[in-house]
Structure formats: structure tokens, C-alpha cells
PDB file of all heavy atoms in Angstrom:
ATOM      1  N   LEU A   1      95.997 112.174  97.653  1.00  0.00           N
ATOM      2  CA  LEU A   1      96.970 112.953  98.414  1.00  0.00           C
ATOM      3  C   LEU A   1      96.220 114.140  98.998  1.00  0.00           C
ATOM      4  O   LEU A   1      95.775 115.021  98.266  1.00  0.00           O
ATOM      5  CB  LEU A   1      98.121 113.416  97.501  1.00  0.00           C
ATOM      6  CG  LEU A   1      98.867 112.302  96.751  1.00  0.00           C
ATOM      7  CD1 LEU A   1     100.045 112.886  95.967  1.00  0.00           C
ATOM      8  CD2 LEU A   1      99.346 111.216  97.701  1.00  0.00           C
ATOM      9  N   GLU A   2      96.054 114.136 100.315  1.00  0.00           N
ATOM     10  CA  GLU A   2      95.195 115.117 100.977  1.00  0.00           C
ATOM     11  C   GLU A   2      95.896 116.459 101.181  1.00  0.00           C
ATOM     12  O   GLU A   2      97.123 116.554 101.145  1.00  0.00           O
ATOM     13  CB  GLU A   2      94.741 114.564 102.333  1.00  0.00           C
ATOM     14  CG  GLU A   2      94.109 113.180 102.283  1.00  0.00           C
ATOM     15  CD  GLU A   2      92.698 113.177 101.702  1.00  0.00           C
ATOM     16  OE1 GLU A   2      92.201 114.267 101.364  1.00  0.00           O
ATOM     17  OE2 GLU A   2      92.096 112.086 101.596  1.00  0.00           O
ATOM     18  N   LYS A   3      95.096 117.497 101.415  1.00  0.00           N
ATOM     19  CA  LYS A   3      95.624 118.850 101.611  1.00  0.00           C
ATOM     20  C   LYS A   3      96.562 118.933 102.811  1.00  0.00           C
ATOM     21  O   LYS A   3      97.515 119.719 102.813  1.00  0.00           O
ATOM     22  CB  LYS A   3      94.468 119.839 101.800  1.00  0.00           C
ATOM     23  CG  LYS A   3      93.678 120.138 100.535  1.00  0.00           C
ATOM     24  CD  LYS A   3      92.601 121.187 100.802  1.00  0.00           C
ATOM     25  CE  LYS A   3      91.832 121.520  99.525  1.00  0.00           C
ATOM     26  NZ  LYS A   3      90.781 122.542  99.769  1.00  0.00           N
ATOM     27  N   ASP A   4      96.299 118.127 103.848  1.00  0.00           N
ATOM     28  CA  ASP A   4      97.099 118.224 105.070  1.00  0.00           C
ATOM     29  C   ASP A   4      98.393 117.419 105.015  1.00  0.00           C
ATOM     30  O   ASP A   4      99.106 117.307 106.014  1.00  0.00           O
ATOM     31  CB  ASP A   4      96.272 117.782 106.281  1.00  0.00           C
ATOM     32  CG  ASP A   4      95.847 116.303 106.194  1.00  0.00           C
ATOM     33  OD1 ASP A   4      96.155 115.650 105.183  1.00  0.00           O
ATOM     34  OD2 ASP A   4      95.198 115.832 107.151  1.00  0.00           O
ATOM     35  N   GLY A   5      98.725 116.848 103.839  1.00  0.00           N
ATOM     36  CA  GLY A   5      99.957 116.077 103.692  1.00  0.00           C
ATOM     37  C   GLY A   5      99.787 114.593 103.930  1.00  0.00           C
ATOM     38  O   GLY A   5     100.740 113.826 103.776  1.00  0.00           O
ATOM     39  N   SER A   6      98.592 114.176 104.310  1.00  0.00           N
ATOM     40  CA  SER A   6      98.336 112.748 104.508  1.00  0.00           C
ATOM     41  C   SER A   6      97.956 112.094 103.186  1.00  0.00           C
ATOM     42  O   SER A   6      97.795 112.767 102.162  1.00  0.00           O
ATOM     43  CB  SER A   6      97.229 112.542 105.537  1.00  0.00           C
ATOM     44  OG  SER A   6      95.979 113.016 105.033  1.00  0.00           O
ATOM     45  N   ALA A   7      97.819 110.783 103.210  1.00  0.00           N
ATOM     46  CA  ALA A   7      97.391 110.031 102.023  1.00  0.00           C
ATOM     47  C   ALA A   7      96.260 109.094 102.422  1.00  0.00           C
ATOM     48  O   ALA A   7      96.236 108.553 103.534  1.00  0.00           O
ATOM     49  CB  ALA A   7      98.548 109.231 101.434  1.00  0.00           C
ATOM     50  N   THR A   8      95.328 108.907 101.495  1.00  0.00           N
ATOM     51  CA  THR A   8      94.205 107.998 101.720  1.00  0.00           C
ATOM     52  C   THR A   8      94.175 106.956 100.616  1.00  0.00           C
ATOM     53  O   THR A   8      94.266 107.298  99.431  1.00  0.00           O
ATOM     54  CB  THR A   8      92.861 108.756 101.740  1.00  0.00           C
ATOM     55  OG1 THR A   8      92.903 109.765 102.748  1.00  0.00           O
ATOM     56  CG2 THR A   8      91.710 107.803 102.014  1.00  0.00           C
ATOM     57  N   VAL A   9      94.054 105.706 101.011  1.00  0.00           N
ATOM     58  CA  VAL A   9      93.915 104.610 100.053  1.00  0.00           C
ATOM     59  C   VAL A   9      92.641 103.840 100.412  1.00  0.00           C
ATOM     60  O   VAL A   9      92.483 103.375 101.552  1.00  0.00           O
ATOM     61  CB  VAL A   9      95.122 103.655 100.082  1.00  0.00           C
ATOM     62  CG1 VAL A   9      94.906 102.499  99.095  1.00  0.00           C
ATOM     63  CG2 VAL A   9      96.407 104.403  99.759  1.00  0.00           C
ATOM     64  N   GLU A  10      91.721 103.730  99.462  1.00  0.00           N
ATOM     65  CA  GLU A  10      90.453 103.032  99.686  1.00  0.00           C
ATOM     66  C   GLU A  10      90.236 102.021  98.576  1.00  0.00           C
ATOM     67  O   GLU A  10      90.610 102.264  97.422  1.00  0.00           O
ATOM     68  CB  GLU A  10      89.293 104.034  99.721  1.00  0.00           C
ATOM     69  CG  GLU A  10      87.936 103.396  99.976  1.00  0.00           C
ATOM     70  CD  GLU A  10      86.806 104.410 100.050  1.00  0.00           C
ATOM     71  OE1 GLU A  10      87.091 105.627  99.981  1.00  0.00           O
ATOM     72  OE2 GLU A  10      85.643 103.984 100.145  1.00  0.00           O
ATOM     73  N   ASP A  11      89.647 100.884  98.916  1.00  0.00           N
ATOM     74  CA  ASP A  11      89.319  99.890  97.899  1.00  0.00           C
ATOM     75  C   ASP A  11      87.920  99.341  98.137  1.00  0.00           C
ATOM     76  O   ASP A  11      87.296  99.612  99.161  1.00  0.00           O
ATOM     77  CB  ASP A  11      90.361  98.762  97.868  1.00  0.00           C
ATOM     78  CG  ASP A  11      90.370  97.915  99.135  1.00  0.00           C
ATOM     79  OD1 ASP A  11      89.296  97.513  99.609  1.00  0.00           O
ATOM     80  OD2 ASP A  11      91.462  97.644  99.669  1.00  0.00           O
ATOM     81  N   ASP A  12      87.431  98.579  97.165  1.00  0.00           N
ATOM     82  CA  ASP A  12      86.115  97.948  97.300  1.00  0.00           C
ATOM     83  C   ASP A  12      86.256  96.431  97.403  1.00  0.00           C
ATOM     84  O   ASP A  12      85.463  95.680  96.852  1.00  0.00           O
ATOM     85  CB  ASP A  12      85.193  98.341  96.138  1.00  0.00           C
ATOM     86  CG  ASP A  12      85.761  97.959  94.779  1.00  0.00           C
ATOM     87  OD1 ASP A  12      86.885  97.399  94.725  1.00  0.00           O
ATOM     88  OD2 ASP A  12      85.094  98.220  93.765  1.00  0.00           O
ATOM     89  N   GLY A  13      87.287  96.005  98.128  1.00  0.00           N
ATOM     90  CA  GLY A  13      87.479  94.580  98.373  1.00  0.00           C
ATOM     91  C   GLY A  13      86.563  94.070  99.468  1.00  0.00           C
ATOM     92  O   GLY A  13      85.534  94.669  99.779  1.00  0.00           O
ATOM     93  N   ARG A  14      86.975  92.976 100.079  1.00  0.00           N
ATOM     94  CA  ARG A  14      86.120  92.346 101.088  1.00  0.00           C
ATOM     95  C   ARG A  14      86.128  93.082 102.426  1.00  0.00           C
ATOM     96  O   ARG A  14      85.257  92.874 103.259  1.00  0.00           O
ATOM     97  CB  ARG A  14      86.579  90.900 101.318  1.00  0.00           C
ATOM     98  CG  ARG A  14      86.302  89.978 100.167  1.00  0.00           C
ATOM     99  CD  ARG A  14      87.001  88.641 100.345  1.00  0.00           C
ATOM    100  NE  ARG A  14      88.454  88.752 100.188  1.00  0.00           N
ATOM    101  CZ  ARG A  14      89.279  87.708 100.223  1.00  0.00           C
ATOM    102  NH1 ARG A  14      88.804  86.499 100.443  1.00  0.00           N
ATOM    103  NH2 ARG A  14      90.578  87.889 100.056  1.00  0.00           N
ATOM    104  N   GLY A  15      87.141  93.940 102.618  1.00  0.00           N
ATOM    105  CA  GLY A  15      87.309  94.564 103.929  1.00  0.00           C
ATOM    106  C   GLY A  15      88.139  93.666 104.826  1.00  0.00           C
ATOM    107  O   GLY A  15      87.942  92.441 104.849  1.00  0.00           O
ATOM    108  N   ILE A  16      89.073  94.265 105.569  1.00  0.00           N
ATOM    109  CA  ILE A  16      89.911  93.469 106.464  1.00  0.00           C
ATOM    110  C   ILE A  16      89.022  92.777 107.502  1.00  0.00           C
ATOM    111  O   ILE A  16      88.114  93.401 108.053  1.00  0.00           O
ATOM    112  CB  ILE A  16      90.947  94.380 107.158  1.00  0.00           C
ATOM    113  CG1 ILE A  16      91.879  94.996 106.108  1.00  0.00           C
ATOM    114  CG2 ILE A  16      91.761  93.606 108.189  1.00  0.00           C
ATOM    115  CD1 ILE A  16      92.787  96.061 106.655  1.00  0.00           C
ATOM    116  N   PRO A  17      89.268  91.513 107.790  1.00  0.00           N
ATOM    117  CA  PRO A  17      88.448  90.808 108.783  1.00  0.00           C
ATOM    118  C   PRO A  17      88.457  91.525 110.135  1.00  0.00           C
ATOM    119  O   PRO A  17      89.510  91.959 110.605  1.00  0.00           O
ATOM    120  CB  PRO A  17      89.109  89.433 108.887  1.00  0.00           C
ATOM    121  CG  PRO A  17      89.773  89.247 107.560  1.00  0.00           C
ATOM    122  CD  PRO A  17      90.241  90.614 107.148  1.00  0.00           C
ATOM    123  N   VAL A  18      87.283  91.654 110.734  1.00  0.00           N
ATOM    124  CA  VAL A  18      87.164  92.354 112.016  1.00  0.00           C
ATOM    125  C   VAL A  18      86.750  91.415 113.153  1.00  0.00           C
ATOM    126  O   VAL A  18      86.709  91.829 114.317  1.00  0.00           O
ATOM    127  CB  VAL A  18      86.131  93.508 111.918  1.00  0.00           C
ATOM    128  CG1 VAL A  18      86.608  94.571 110.959  1.00  0.00           C
ATOM    129  CG2 VAL A  18      84.759  92.969 111.503  1.00  0.00           C
ATOM    130  N   ASP A  19      86.463  90.161 112.816  1.00  0.00           N
ATOM    131  CA  ASP A  19      85.990  89.244 113.843  1.00  0.00           C
ATOM    132  C   ASP A  19      87.101  88.894 114.831  1.00  0.00           C
ATOM    133  O   ASP A  19      88.265  89.210 114.621  1.00  0.00           O
ATOM    134  CB  ASP A  19      85.411  87.973 113.199  1.00  0.00           C
ATOM    135  CG  ASP A  19      86.366  87.357 112.184  1.00  0.00           C
ATOM    136  OD1 ASP A  19      86.975  88.116 111.402  1.00  0.00           O
ATOM    137  OD2 ASP A  19      86.517  86.132 112.185  1.00  0.00           O
ATOM    138  N   MET A  20      86.731  88.235 115.894  1.00  0.00           N
ATOM    139  CA  MET A  20      87.650  87.927 116.980  1.00  0.00           C
ATOM    140  C   MET A  20      88.683  86.888 116.564  1.00  0.00           C
ATOM    141  O   MET A  20      88.352  85.819 116.064  1.00  0.00           O
ATOM    142  CB  MET A  20      86.869  87.410 118.203  1.00  0.00           C
ATOM    143  CG  MET A  20      87.736  87.228 119.435  1.00  0.00           C
ATOM    144  SD  MET A  20      88.288  88.801 120.122  1.00  0.00           S
ATOM    145  CE  MET A  20      86.748  89.398 120.827  1.00  0.00           C
ATOM    146  N   HIS A  21      89.952  87.233 116.773  1.00  0.00           N
ATOM    147  CA  HIS A  21      91.042  86.301 116.503  1.00  0.00           C
ATOM    148  C   HIS A  21      91.246  85.405 117.723  1.00  0.00           C
ATOM    149  O   HIS A  21      90.813  85.744 118.836  1.00  0.00           O
ATOM    150  CB  HIS A  21      92.323  87.091 116.183  1.00  0.00           C
ATOM    151  CG  HIS A  21      93.429  86.252 115.625  1.00  0.00           C
ATOM    152  ND1 HIS A  21      94.378  85.636 116.423  1.00  0.00           N
ATOM    153  CD2 HIS A  21      93.739  85.918 114.348  1.00  0.00           C
ATOM    154  CE1 HIS A  21      95.225  84.978 115.647  1.00  0.00           C
ATOM    155  NE2 HIS A  21      94.874  85.127 114.379  1.00  0.00           N
ATOM    156  N   LYS A  22      91.898  84.287 117.534  1.00  0.00           N
ATOM    157  CA  LYS A  22      92.130  83.369 118.653  1.00  0.00           C
ATOM    158  C   LYS A  22      93.002  83.980 119.746  1.00  0.00           C
ATOM    159  O   LYS A  22      93.037  83.478 120.877  1.00  0.00           O
ATOM    160  CB  LYS A  22      92.758  82.072 118.143  1.00  0.00           C
ATOM    161  CG  LYS A  22      94.084  82.229 117.424  1.00  0.00           C
ATOM    162  CD  LYS A  22      94.548  80.911 116.832  1.00  0.00           C
ATOM    163  CE  LYS A  22      95.837  81.065 116.041  1.00  0.00           C
ATOM    164  NZ  LYS A  22      96.253  79.797 115.410  1.00  0.00           N
ATOM    165  N   LYS A  23      93.700  85.100 119.424  1.00  0.00           N
ATOM    166  CA  LYS A  23      94.491  85.776 120.436  1.00  0.00           C
ATOM    167  C   LYS A  23      93.640  86.699 121.306  1.00  0.00           C
ATOM    168  O   LYS A  23      94.153  87.433 122.160  1.00  0.00           O
ATOM    169  CB  LYS A  23      95.623  86.564 119.780  1.00  0.00           C
ATOM    170  CG  LYS A  23      96.729  85.684 119.193  1.00  0.00           C
ATOM    171  CD  LYS A  23      97.910  86.512 118.731  1.00  0.00           C
ATOM    172  CE  LYS A  23      99.064  85.618 118.271  1.00  0.00           C
ATOM    173  NZ  LYS A  23      99.697  84.898 119.401  1.00  0.00           N
ATOM    174  N   GLY A  24      92.315  86.688 121.094  1.00  0.00           N
ATOM    175  CA  GLY A  24      91.425  87.439 121.950  1.00  0.00           C
ATOM    176  C   GLY A  24      91.267  88.900 121.581  1.00  0.00           C
ATOM    177  O   GLY A  24      90.889  89.714 122.434  1.00  0.00           O
ATOM    178  N   VAL A  25      91.558  89.247 120.326  1.00  0.00           N
ATOM    179  CA  VAL A  25      91.445  90.630 119.873  1.00  0.00           C
ATOM    180  C   VAL A  25      90.997  90.622 118.419  1.00  0.00           C
ATOM    181  O   VAL A  25      91.193  89.623 117.710  1.00  0.00           O
ATOM    182  CB  VAL A  25      92.806  91.372 120.038  1.00  0.00           C
ATOM    183  CG1 VAL A  25      93.845  90.798 119.087  1.00  0.00           C
ATOM    184  CG2 VAL A  25      92.660  92.864 119.840  1.00  0.00           C
ATOM    185  N   SER A  26      90.397  91.714 117.963  1.00  0.00           N
ATOM    186  CA  SER A  26      89.945  91.799 116.574  1.00  0.00           C
ATOM    187  C   SER A  26      91.099  91.548 115.611  1.00  0.00           C
ATOM    188  O   SER A  26      92.208  92.040 115.811  1.00  0.00           O
ATOM    189  CB  SER A  26      89.335  93.181 116.310  1.00  0.00           C
ATOM    190  OG  SER A  26      89.055  93.344 114.934  1.00  0.00           O
ATOM    191  N   ALA A  27      90.825  90.780 114.563  1.00  0.00           N
ATOM    192  CA  ALA A  27      91.868  90.460 113.586  1.00  0.00           C
ATOM    193  C   ALA A  27      92.448  91.724 112.962  1.00  0.00           C
ATOM    194  O   ALA A  27      93.656  91.809 112.696  1.00  0.00           O
ATOM    195  CB  ALA A  27      91.295  89.547 112.498  1.00  0.00           C
ATOM    196  N   ALA A  28      91.594  92.735 112.735  1.00  0.00           N
ATOM    197  CA  ALA A  28      92.071  93.977 112.129  1.00  0.00           C
ATOM    198  C   ALA A  28      93.105  94.668 113.020  1.00  0.00           C
ATOM    199  O   ALA A  28      94.093  95.227 112.528  1.00  0.00           O
ATOM    200  CB  ALA A  28      90.903  94.915 111.853  1.00  0.00           C
ATOM    201  N   ARG A  29      92.892  94.635 114.325  1.00  0.00           N
ATOM    202  CA  ARG A  29      93.864  95.253 115.243  1.00  0.00           C
ATOM    203  C   ARG A  29      95.221  94.558 115.136  1.00  0.00           C
ATOM    204  O   ARG A  29      96.272  95.193 115.163  1.00  0.00           O
ATOM    205  CB  ARG A  29      93.317  95.205 116.673  1.00  0.00           C
ATOM    206  CG  ARG A  29      94.254  95.672 117.768  1.00  0.00           C
ATOM    207  CD  ARG A  29      94.685  97.134 117.611  1.00  0.00           C
ATOM    208  NE  ARG A  29      93.630  98.108 117.664  1.00  0.00           N
ATOM    209  CZ  ARG A  29      93.178  98.705 118.769  1.00  0.00           C
ATOM    210  NH1 ARG A  29      93.684  98.377 119.946  1.00  0.00           N
ATOM    211  NH2 ARG A  29      92.231  99.628 118.694  1.00  0.00           N
ATOM    212  N   LEU A  30      95.207  93.251 114.984  1.00  0.00           N
ATOM    213  CA  LEU A  30      96.465  92.512 114.817  1.00  0.00           C
ATOM    214  C   LEU A  30      97.170  92.908 113.528  1.00  0.00           C
ATOM    215  O   LEU A  30      98.398  93.060 113.500  1.00  0.00           O
ATOM    216  CB  LEU A  30      96.189  91.005 114.812  1.00  0.00           C
ATOM    217  CG  LEU A  30      95.833  90.353 116.147  1.00  0.00           C
ATOM    218  CD1 LEU A  30      95.536  88.882 115.927  1.00  0.00           C
ATOM    219  CD2 LEU A  30      96.973  90.523 117.144  1.00  0.00           C
ATOM    220  N   VAL A  31      96.399  93.074 112.448  1.00  0.00           N
ATOM    221  CA  VAL A  31      96.984  93.416 111.151  1.00  0.00           C
ATOM    222  C   VAL A  31      97.765  94.721 111.223  1.00  0.00           C
ATOM    223  O   VAL A  31      98.867  94.843 110.664  1.00  0.00           O
ATOM    224  CB  VAL A  31      95.881  93.517 110.076  1.00  0.00           C
ATOM    225  CG1 VAL A  31      96.418  94.192 108.810  1.00  0.00           C
ATOM    226  CG2 VAL A  31      95.333  92.143 109.745  1.00  0.00           C
ATOM    227  N   PHE A  32      97.233  95.706 111.952  1.00  0.00           N
ATOM    228  CA  PHE A  32      97.860  97.026 111.971  1.00  0.00           C
ATOM    229  C   PHE A  32      98.864  97.227 113.108  1.00  0.00           C
ATOM    230  O   PHE A  32      99.624  98.188 113.076  1.00  0.00           O
ATOM    231  CB  PHE A  32      96.783  98.111 112.049  1.00  0.00           C
ATOM    232  CG  PHE A  32      96.013  98.273 110.778  1.00  0.00           C
ATOM    233  CD1 PHE A  32      94.762  97.696 110.627  1.00  0.00           C
ATOM    234  CD2 PHE A  32      96.548  98.985 109.714  1.00  0.00           C
ATOM    235  CE1 PHE A  32      94.053  97.833 109.444  1.00  0.00           C
ATOM    236  CE2 PHE A  32      95.846  99.123 108.534  1.00  0.00           C
ATOM    237  CZ  PHE A  32      94.595  98.547 108.392  1.00  0.00           C
ATOM    238  N   SER A  33      98.863  96.342 114.082  1.00  0.00           N
ATOM    239  CA  SER A  33      99.724  96.568 115.234  1.00  0.00           C
ATOM    240  C   SER A  33     100.767  95.489 115.457  1.00  0.00           C
ATOM    241  O   SER A  33     101.589  95.594 116.359  1.00  0.00           O
ATOM    242  CB  SER A  33      98.864  96.699 116.507  1.00  0.00           C
ATOM    243  OG  SER A  33      98.131  95.511 116.745  1.00  0.00           O
TER     244      SER A  33
END
């Protein structure tokens, strides 16, 4: 819980996939949008 009121969550997993999805955009962008 950060001083500015934000929150940070970090893990040591594989990392969200960043490679190109068949929709023509990074898979990570699809996950968050």
C-alpha cells in the first residue's frame, strides 16, 4: 500500500505473455483492456 494511495502487487510467476496475439496486438494489452 503506497504512500500516494495506490497499491502495488508483484509476483515471481511466468509474467503475462507479451507476444503477438492473433488479433494483431500484444497479448498483455488484451488482458488489461
